[in-house]
Amino acid sequence: FPSHEKHKHDIAQYYAMAKALTLIYGIKYEVDHIWPLSGTSTSGLHLPWNLSVMPRYFNRSKGNKAPEYAN
C-alpha cells in the first residue's frame, strides 16, 4: 500500500477545505471516507482518493456504509 507519509499534504488539503467551507457557509463540514475505514463488509484507507468533503449532517446520516453504487 502507498505510504501515508507520501500523501500527508494532499490529505491536509481536504481538512483545510472542510475548515474553509465551515467558515464560509456557517455550517460544519467534515472530511468523509468514501469507503469507511471500518465498514461491515469492506474497509477503505485514509488516502486522498478515498476522501471527500461534505456537510457534517450529511456525513453523519450516511453512517459507516460503503457507497450506494457498490451494493
N, C-alpha and C. Protein backbone atom coordinates (compact mmCIF):
# COMPACT_ATOMS: atom_id res chain seq x y z
N PHE A 1 0.84 -1.20 0.00
CA PHE A 1 0.00 0.00 0.00
C PHE A 1 0.87 1.25 0.00
N PRO A 2 0.40 2.33 -0.61
CA PRO A 2 1.19 3.57 -0.62
C PRO A 2 1.40 4.08 0.79
N SER A 3 2.50 4.74 0.99
CA SER A 3 2.83 5.29 2.30
C SER A 3 1.93 6.47 2.65
N HIS A 4 1.41 6.48 3.87
CA HIS A 4 0.60 7.59 4.35
C HIS A 4 1.42 8.88 4.34
N GLU A 5 2.68 8.80 4.70
CA GLU A 5 3.56 9.98 4.74
C GLU A 5 3.62 10.67 3.37
N LYS A 6 3.61 9.89 2.34
CA LYS A 6 3.71 10.40 0.98
C LYS A 6 2.50 11.26 0.61
N HIS A 7 1.37 11.04 1.28
CA HIS A 7 0.12 11.70 0.93
C HIS A 7 -0.35 12.73 1.96
N LYS A 8 0.48 13.02 2.95
CA LYS A 8 0.08 13.93 4.03
C LYS A 8 -0.40 15.29 3.52
N HIS A 9 0.31 15.87 2.58
CA HIS A 9 -0.05 17.19 2.06
C HIS A 9 -1.42 17.15 1.38
N ASP A 10 -1.63 16.14 0.54
CA ASP A 10 -2.91 16.03 -0.16
C ASP A 10 -4.07 15.81 0.81
N ILE A 11 -3.85 14.99 1.81
CA ILE A 11 -4.88 14.74 2.83
C ILE A 11 -5.18 16.02 3.59
N ALA A 12 -4.15 16.76 3.94
CA ALA A 12 -4.32 18.02 4.67
C ALA A 12 -5.18 19.01 3.88
N GLN A 13 -5.11 18.97 2.56
CA GLN A 13 -5.91 19.86 1.73
C GLN A 13 -7.41 19.61 1.91
N TYR A 14 -7.80 18.38 2.10
CA TYR A 14 -9.21 18.07 2.35
C TYR A 14 -9.68 18.68 3.67
N TYR A 15 -8.85 18.58 4.70
CA TYR A 15 -9.21 19.15 6.01
C TYR A 15 -9.23 20.68 5.95
N ALA A 16 -8.32 21.27 5.18
CA ALA A 16 -8.32 22.73 5.00
C ALA A 16 -9.58 23.17 4.27
N MET A 17 -10.00 22.40 3.27
CA MET A 17 -11.21 22.73 2.53
C MET A 17 -12.44 22.64 3.44
N ALA A 18 -12.51 21.62 4.27
CA ALA A 18 -13.64 21.48 5.20
C ALA A 18 -13.69 22.66 6.16
N LYS A 19 -12.55 23.08 6.64
CA LYS A 19 -12.49 24.23 7.56
C LYS A 19 -12.94 25.51 6.86
N ALA A 20 -12.46 25.72 5.64
CA ALA A 20 -12.82 26.93 4.88
C ALA A 20 -14.32 26.95 4.58
N LEU A 21 -14.88 25.83 4.15
CA LEU A 21 -16.31 25.79 3.86
C LEU A 21 -17.15 26.03 5.11
N THR A 22 -16.68 25.53 6.25
CA THR A 22 -17.36 25.78 7.52
C THR A 22 -17.42 27.27 7.80
N LEU A 23 -16.30 27.96 7.59
CA LEU A 23 -16.26 29.40 7.83
C LEU A 23 -17.11 30.18 6.83
N ILE A 24 -17.09 29.77 5.58
CA ILE A 24 -17.84 30.47 4.54
C ILE A 24 -19.34 30.31 4.71
N TYR A 25 -19.79 29.09 4.93
CA TYR A 25 -21.23 28.81 4.95
C TYR A 25 -21.86 28.77 6.34
N GLY A 26 -21.04 28.74 7.37
CA GLY A 26 -21.57 28.75 8.73
C GLY A 26 -22.19 27.44 9.19
N ILE A 27 -21.96 26.37 8.43
CA ILE A 27 -22.37 25.04 8.88
C ILE A 27 -21.13 24.16 8.86
N LYS A 28 -21.09 23.18 9.74
CA LYS A 28 -19.90 22.35 9.90
C LYS A 28 -19.73 21.39 8.71
N TYR A 29 -18.54 21.42 8.11
CA TYR A 29 -18.16 20.48 7.07
C TYR A 29 -17.13 19.52 7.64
N GLU A 30 -17.13 18.30 7.14
CA GLU A 30 -16.20 17.27 7.59
C GLU A 30 -15.57 16.56 6.40
N VAL A 31 -14.47 15.89 6.68
CA VAL A 31 -13.84 15.02 5.69
C VAL A 31 -14.46 13.64 5.87
N ASP A 32 -14.98 13.10 4.79
CA ASP A 32 -15.62 11.80 4.80
C ASP A 32 -14.72 10.77 4.12
N HIS A 33 -14.74 9.56 4.63
CA HIS A 33 -14.09 8.43 3.95
C HIS A 33 -15.16 7.78 3.07
N ILE A 34 -14.98 7.84 1.78
CA ILE A 34 -15.94 7.30 0.83
C ILE A 34 -16.18 5.82 1.14
N TRP A 35 -15.11 5.07 1.23
CA TRP A 35 -15.16 3.69 1.71
C TRP A 35 -14.77 3.74 3.17
N PRO A 36 -15.69 3.45 4.08
CA PRO A 36 -15.42 3.59 5.52
C PRO A 36 -14.17 2.84 5.96
N LEU A 37 -13.50 3.41 6.95
CA LEU A 37 -12.29 2.77 7.48
C LEU A 37 -12.61 1.44 8.14
N SER A 38 -13.77 1.35 8.75
CA SER A 38 -14.18 0.12 9.44
C SER A 38 -15.57 -0.29 9.00
N GLY A 39 -15.73 -0.56 7.75
CA GLY A 39 -17.03 -0.97 7.22
C GLY A 39 -17.38 -2.39 7.64
N THR A 40 -18.63 -2.75 7.48
CA THR A 40 -19.07 -4.08 7.88
C THR A 40 -18.63 -5.15 6.88
N SER A 41 -18.65 -4.81 5.59
CA SER A 41 -18.28 -5.81 4.59
C SER A 41 -16.98 -5.48 3.86
N THR A 42 -16.53 -4.25 3.99
CA THR A 42 -15.29 -3.83 3.32
C THR A 42 -14.73 -2.63 4.08
N SER A 43 -13.45 -2.37 3.92
CA SER A 43 -12.83 -1.23 4.59
C SER A 43 -11.99 -0.44 3.61
N GLY A 44 -12.00 0.89 3.80
CA GLY A 44 -11.22 1.77 2.95
C GLY A 44 -9.93 2.18 3.64
N LEU A 45 -9.21 3.07 2.99
CA LEU A 45 -7.94 3.56 3.52
C LEU A 45 -8.00 5.07 3.72
N HIS A 46 -7.13 5.58 4.56
CA HIS A 46 -7.03 7.02 4.80
C HIS A 46 -6.05 7.60 3.78
N LEU A 47 -6.53 7.67 2.53
CA LEU A 47 -5.72 8.17 1.42
C LEU A 47 -6.56 9.15 0.61
N PRO A 48 -5.92 10.08 -0.12
CA PRO A 48 -6.66 11.14 -0.81
C PRO A 48 -7.80 10.66 -1.70
N TRP A 49 -7.62 9.58 -2.42
CA TRP A 49 -8.66 9.13 -3.35
C TRP A 49 -9.84 8.46 -2.64
N ASN A 50 -9.78 8.36 -1.32
CA ASN A 50 -10.91 7.82 -0.55
C ASN A 50 -11.55 8.90 0.32
N LEU A 51 -11.26 10.17 0.04
CA LEU A 51 -11.77 11.26 0.86
C LEU A 51 -12.68 12.18 0.05
N SER A 52 -13.64 12.77 0.74
CA SER A 52 -14.46 13.82 0.16
C SER A 52 -14.86 14.76 1.29
N VAL A 53 -15.29 15.96 0.94
CA VAL A 53 -15.72 16.95 1.93
C VAL A 53 -17.23 17.11 1.78
N MET A 54 -17.92 17.08 2.91
CA MET A 54 -19.37 17.23 2.89
C MET A 54 -19.86 17.81 4.21
N PRO A 55 -21.07 18.36 4.21
CA PRO A 55 -21.62 18.87 5.45
C PRO A 55 -21.71 17.77 6.51
N ARG A 56 -21.46 18.15 7.76
CA ARG A 56 -21.47 17.19 8.86
C ARG A 56 -22.79 16.41 8.92
N TYR A 57 -23.92 17.10 8.78
CA TYR A 57 -25.21 16.42 8.90
C TYR A 57 -25.36 15.32 7.86
N PHE A 58 -24.83 15.53 6.66
CA PHE A 58 -24.91 14.51 5.63
C PHE A 58 -23.96 13.36 5.93
N ASN A 59 -22.75 13.69 6.32
CA ASN A 59 -21.76 12.67 6.64
C ASN A 59 -22.26 11.76 7.77
N ARG A 60 -22.81 12.37 8.81
CA ARG A 60 -23.29 11.58 9.95
C ARG A 60 -24.51 10.75 9.58
N SER A 61 -25.32 11.23 8.65
CA SER A 61 -26.53 10.48 8.29
C SER A 61 -26.23 9.25 7.44
N LYS A 62 -25.11 9.28 6.70
CA LYS A 62 -24.78 8.12 5.86
C LYS A 62 -24.14 7.00 6.66
N GLY A 63 -23.67 7.32 7.85
CA GLY A 63 -23.12 6.29 8.73
C GLY A 63 -21.87 5.66 8.18
N ASN A 64 -21.65 4.43 8.57
CA ASN A 64 -20.44 3.69 8.25
C ASN A 64 -20.70 2.70 7.11
N LYS A 65 -21.29 3.24 6.02
CA LYS A 65 -21.69 2.38 4.90
C LYS A 65 -20.84 2.66 3.66
N ALA A 66 -20.67 1.63 2.88
CA ALA A 66 -19.98 1.77 1.60
C ALA A 66 -20.87 2.57 0.65
N PRO A 67 -20.31 3.15 -0.40
CA PRO A 67 -21.12 3.91 -1.37
C PRO A 67 -22.26 3.05 -1.92
N GLU A 68 -23.39 3.70 -2.21
CA GLU A 68 -24.57 3.01 -2.71
C GLU A 68 -24.30 2.24 -4.00
N TYR A 69 -23.47 2.83 -4.86
CA TYR A 69 -23.23 2.19 -6.14
C TYR A 69 -22.46 0.87 -6.01
N ALA A 70 -21.90 0.62 -4.84
CA ALA A 70 -21.13 -0.61 -4.64
C ALA A 70 -22.01 -1.77 -4.20
N ASN A 71 -23.24 -1.50 -3.81
CA ASN A 71 -24.11 -2.57 -3.30
C ASN A 71 -24.82 -3.29 -4.41
